[in-house]
Amino acid sequence: MIGEFDGDLKYTRELAGSDPQGVVVAERKRERAVKRETGMRVARWTWNDAWNTDGLLRELASYGITPRP
């Protein structure tokens, strides 16, 4: 698994320019290329997930990653 922290700001018009949809499309293309080249899936999380420990743990668990006791 490859993890990517995503901030919501990159989806705003101010940072994406005039095409926030283009940011999403480019992100998906990169994700498919990573999977094709490495065979690994890409996990994504945001600040909200990181600060909400349960949310981040659920996201990681969906990829088979669990904390050690």
N, C-alpha and C. Protein backbone atom coordinates (compact mmCIF):
# COMPACT_ATOMS: atom_id res chain seq x y z
N MET A 1 0.84 -1.17 0.00
CA MET A 1 0.00 0.00 0.00
C MET A 1 0.88 1.23 0.00
N ILE A 2 0.44 2.21 -0.72
CA ILE A 2 1.09 3.52 -0.73
C ILE A 2 0.09 4.50 -0.14
N GLY A 3 0.53 5.33 0.78
CA GLY A 3 -0.36 6.29 1.41
C GLY A 3 -0.11 7.69 0.89
N GLU A 4 -1.20 8.44 0.75
CA GLU A 4 -1.08 9.83 0.33
C GLU A 4 -1.99 10.69 1.20
N PHE A 5 -1.38 11.69 1.79
CA PHE A 5 -2.13 12.66 2.57
C PHE A 5 -2.69 13.68 1.60
N ASP A 6 -3.99 13.90 1.65
CA ASP A 6 -4.65 14.87 0.78
C ASP A 6 -5.20 16.01 1.60
N GLY A 7 -4.82 17.22 1.23
CA GLY A 7 -5.44 18.39 1.83
C GLY A 7 -6.56 18.86 0.92
N ASP A 8 -7.63 19.33 1.51
CA ASP A 8 -8.78 19.76 0.72
C ASP A 8 -8.51 21.01 -0.10
N LEU A 9 -7.50 21.79 0.28
CA LEU A 9 -7.24 23.04 -0.43
C LEU A 9 -6.90 22.84 -1.90
N LYS A 10 -6.28 21.73 -2.24
CA LYS A 10 -5.89 21.54 -3.63
C LYS A 10 -7.09 21.41 -4.56
N TYR A 11 -8.27 21.21 -3.99
CA TYR A 11 -9.48 21.09 -4.80
C TYR A 11 -10.22 22.42 -4.95
N THR A 12 -9.69 23.48 -4.36
CA THR A 12 -10.35 24.78 -4.48
C THR A 12 -9.90 25.48 -5.76
N ARG A 13 -10.71 26.37 -6.24
CA ARG A 13 -10.37 27.11 -7.46
C ARG A 13 -9.08 27.91 -7.29
N GLU A 14 -8.84 28.41 -6.08
CA GLU A 14 -7.65 29.24 -5.86
C GLU A 14 -6.37 28.47 -6.13
N LEU A 15 -6.31 27.22 -5.70
CA LEU A 15 -5.10 26.43 -5.89
C LEU A 15 -5.13 25.60 -7.17
N ALA A 16 -6.30 25.19 -7.58
CA ALA A 16 -6.41 24.35 -8.77
C ALA A 16 -6.45 25.19 -10.04
N GLY A 17 -6.52 26.49 -9.89
CA GLY A 17 -6.71 27.34 -11.06
C GLY A 17 -8.19 27.34 -11.39
N SER A 18 -8.51 27.32 -12.64
CA SER A 18 -9.91 27.38 -13.03
C SER A 18 -10.54 26.00 -13.18
N ASP A 19 -9.78 24.95 -12.89
CA ASP A 19 -10.28 23.60 -13.15
C ASP A 19 -10.03 22.62 -12.01
N PRO A 20 -10.79 22.74 -10.91
CA PRO A 20 -10.62 21.77 -9.82
C PRO A 20 -10.87 20.34 -10.27
N GLN A 21 -11.75 20.15 -11.24
CA GLN A 21 -12.02 18.81 -11.75
C GLN A 21 -10.74 18.22 -12.37
N GLY A 22 -9.93 19.06 -12.99
CA GLY A 22 -8.68 18.59 -13.58
C GLY A 22 -7.73 18.05 -12.53
N VAL A 23 -7.77 18.62 -11.33
CA VAL A 23 -6.94 18.13 -10.23
C VAL A 23 -7.35 16.71 -9.88
N VAL A 24 -8.64 16.47 -9.81
CA VAL A 24 -9.15 15.13 -9.47
C VAL A 24 -8.80 14.13 -10.58
N VAL A 25 -8.97 14.53 -11.82
CA VAL A 25 -8.66 13.64 -12.94
C VAL A 25 -7.18 13.28 -12.94
N ALA A 26 -6.31 14.26 -12.74
CA ALA A 26 -4.87 13.99 -12.70
C ALA A 26 -4.51 13.07 -11.54
N GLU A 27 -5.17 13.28 -10.40
CA GLU A 27 -4.93 12.43 -9.23
C GLU A 27 -5.29 10.98 -9.54
N ARG A 28 -6.41 10.77 -10.17
CA ARG A 28 -6.85 9.41 -10.52
C ARG A 28 -5.90 8.76 -11.53
N LYS A 29 -5.42 9.55 -12.49
CA LYS A 29 -4.46 9.01 -13.46
C LYS A 29 -3.17 8.57 -12.77
N ARG A 30 -2.68 9.40 -11.83
CA ARG A 30 -1.47 9.02 -11.08
C ARG A 30 -1.71 7.76 -10.28
N GLU A 31 -2.88 7.68 -9.66
CA GLU A 31 -3.20 6.51 -8.84
C GLU A 31 -3.22 5.24 -9.70
N ARG A 32 -3.84 5.31 -10.87
CA ARG A 32 -3.87 4.14 -11.76
C ARG A 32 -2.47 3.76 -12.23
N ALA A 33 -1.63 4.76 -12.51
CA ALA A 33 -0.26 4.48 -12.94
C ALA A 33 0.53 3.80 -11.83
N VAL A 34 0.37 4.26 -10.60
CA VAL A 34 1.06 3.65 -9.47
C VAL A 34 0.62 2.20 -9.33
N LYS A 35 -0.67 1.97 -9.40
CA LYS A 35 -1.18 0.60 -9.26
C LYS A 35 -0.68 -0.29 -10.40
N ARG A 36 -0.69 0.24 -11.60
CA ARG A 36 -0.24 -0.53 -12.76
C ARG A 36 1.25 -0.87 -12.65
N GLU A 37 2.06 0.09 -12.23
CA GLU A 37 3.51 -0.10 -12.18
C GLU A 37 3.98 -0.89 -10.96
N THR A 38 3.27 -0.76 -9.84
CA THR A 38 3.74 -1.39 -8.60
C THR A 38 2.84 -2.51 -8.11
N GLY A 39 1.59 -2.52 -8.57
CA GLY A 39 0.63 -3.48 -8.07
C GLY A 39 0.06 -3.08 -6.71
N MET A 40 0.45 -1.91 -6.22
CA MET A 40 -0.01 -1.45 -4.91
C MET A 40 -1.21 -0.53 -5.04
N ARG A 41 -2.06 -0.57 -4.03
CA ARG A 41 -3.19 0.35 -3.95
C ARG A 41 -2.76 1.62 -3.24
N VAL A 42 -3.48 2.70 -3.50
CA VAL A 42 -3.17 3.98 -2.88
C VAL A 42 -4.25 4.30 -1.85
N ALA A 43 -3.84 4.47 -0.61
CA ALA A 43 -4.75 4.90 0.45
C ALA A 43 -4.63 6.41 0.58
N ARG A 44 -5.74 7.06 0.82
CA ARG A 44 -5.74 8.52 0.97
C ARG A 44 -6.39 8.90 2.29
N TRP A 45 -5.84 9.93 2.91
CA TRP A 45 -6.49 10.46 4.10
C TRP A 45 -6.28 11.96 4.15
N THR A 46 -7.12 12.61 4.94
CA THR A 46 -7.12 14.06 5.05
C THR A 46 -6.75 14.47 6.47
N TRP A 47 -6.67 15.78 6.70
CA TRP A 47 -6.43 16.26 8.06
C TRP A 47 -7.51 15.75 8.99
N ASN A 48 -8.75 15.79 8.54
CA ASN A 48 -9.85 15.33 9.38
C ASN A 48 -9.64 13.87 9.79
N ASP A 49 -9.23 13.03 8.84
CA ASP A 49 -8.95 11.63 9.16
C ASP A 49 -7.80 11.51 10.16
N ALA A 50 -6.75 12.30 9.93
CA ALA A 50 -5.56 12.22 10.79
C ALA A 50 -5.88 12.65 12.22
N TRP A 51 -6.68 13.69 12.37
CA TRP A 51 -7.03 14.16 13.71
C TRP A 51 -8.07 13.28 14.37
N ASN A 52 -8.87 12.61 13.56
CA ASN A 52 -9.88 11.68 14.07
C ASN A 52 -9.26 10.28 13.98
N THR A 53 -8.60 9.89 15.04
CA THR A 53 -7.83 8.65 15.02
C THR A 53 -8.65 7.47 14.53
N ASP A 54 -9.91 7.38 14.95
CA ASP A 54 -10.75 6.26 14.52
C ASP A 54 -10.91 6.24 13.00
N GLY A 55 -11.08 7.42 12.40
CA GLY A 55 -11.23 7.50 10.95
C GLY A 55 -9.98 7.03 10.23
N LEU A 56 -8.82 7.46 10.70
CA LEU A 56 -7.57 7.05 10.07
C LEU A 56 -7.34 5.55 10.26
N LEU A 57 -7.62 5.05 11.45
CA LEU A 57 -7.44 3.62 11.69
C LEU A 57 -8.37 2.79 10.80
N ARG A 58 -9.60 3.27 10.60
CA ARG A 58 -10.53 2.55 9.71
C ARG A 58 -10.00 2.55 8.27
N GLU A 59 -9.49 3.70 7.83
CA GLU A 59 -8.96 3.78 6.47
C GLU A 59 -7.79 2.82 6.29
N LEU A 60 -6.87 2.82 7.23
CA LEU A 60 -5.72 1.92 7.14
C LEU A 60 -6.15 0.46 7.25
N ALA A 61 -7.11 0.17 8.12
CA ALA A 61 -7.59 -1.21 8.28
C ALA A 61 -8.21 -1.72 6.99
N SER A 62 -8.82 -0.82 6.21
CA SER A 62 -9.41 -1.26 4.94
C SER A 62 -8.34 -1.73 3.96
N TYR A 63 -7.08 -1.42 4.26
CA TYR A 63 -5.95 -1.88 3.46
C TYR A 63 -5.17 -2.99 4.16
N GLY A 64 -5.74 -3.49 5.25
CA GLY A 64 -5.10 -4.59 5.97
C GLY A 64 -4.02 -4.16 6.94
N ILE A 65 -3.97 -2.88 7.26
CA ILE A 65 -2.95 -2.37 8.18
C ILE A 65 -3.62 -2.09 9.52
N THR A 66 -3.14 -2.74 10.55
CA THR A 66 -3.69 -2.53 11.89
C THR A 66 -2.54 -2.24 12.86
N PRO A 67 -2.82 -1.45 13.89
CA PRO A 67 -1.75 -1.11 14.84
C PRO A 67 -1.34 -2.34 15.65
N ARG A 68 -0.10 -2.31 16.06
CA ARG A 68 0.38 -3.38 16.95
C ARG A 68 -0.14 -3.12 18.35
N PRO A 69 -0.44 -4.20 19.08
CA PRO A 69 -0.92 -4.02 20.47
C PRO A 69 0.17 -3.47 21.37
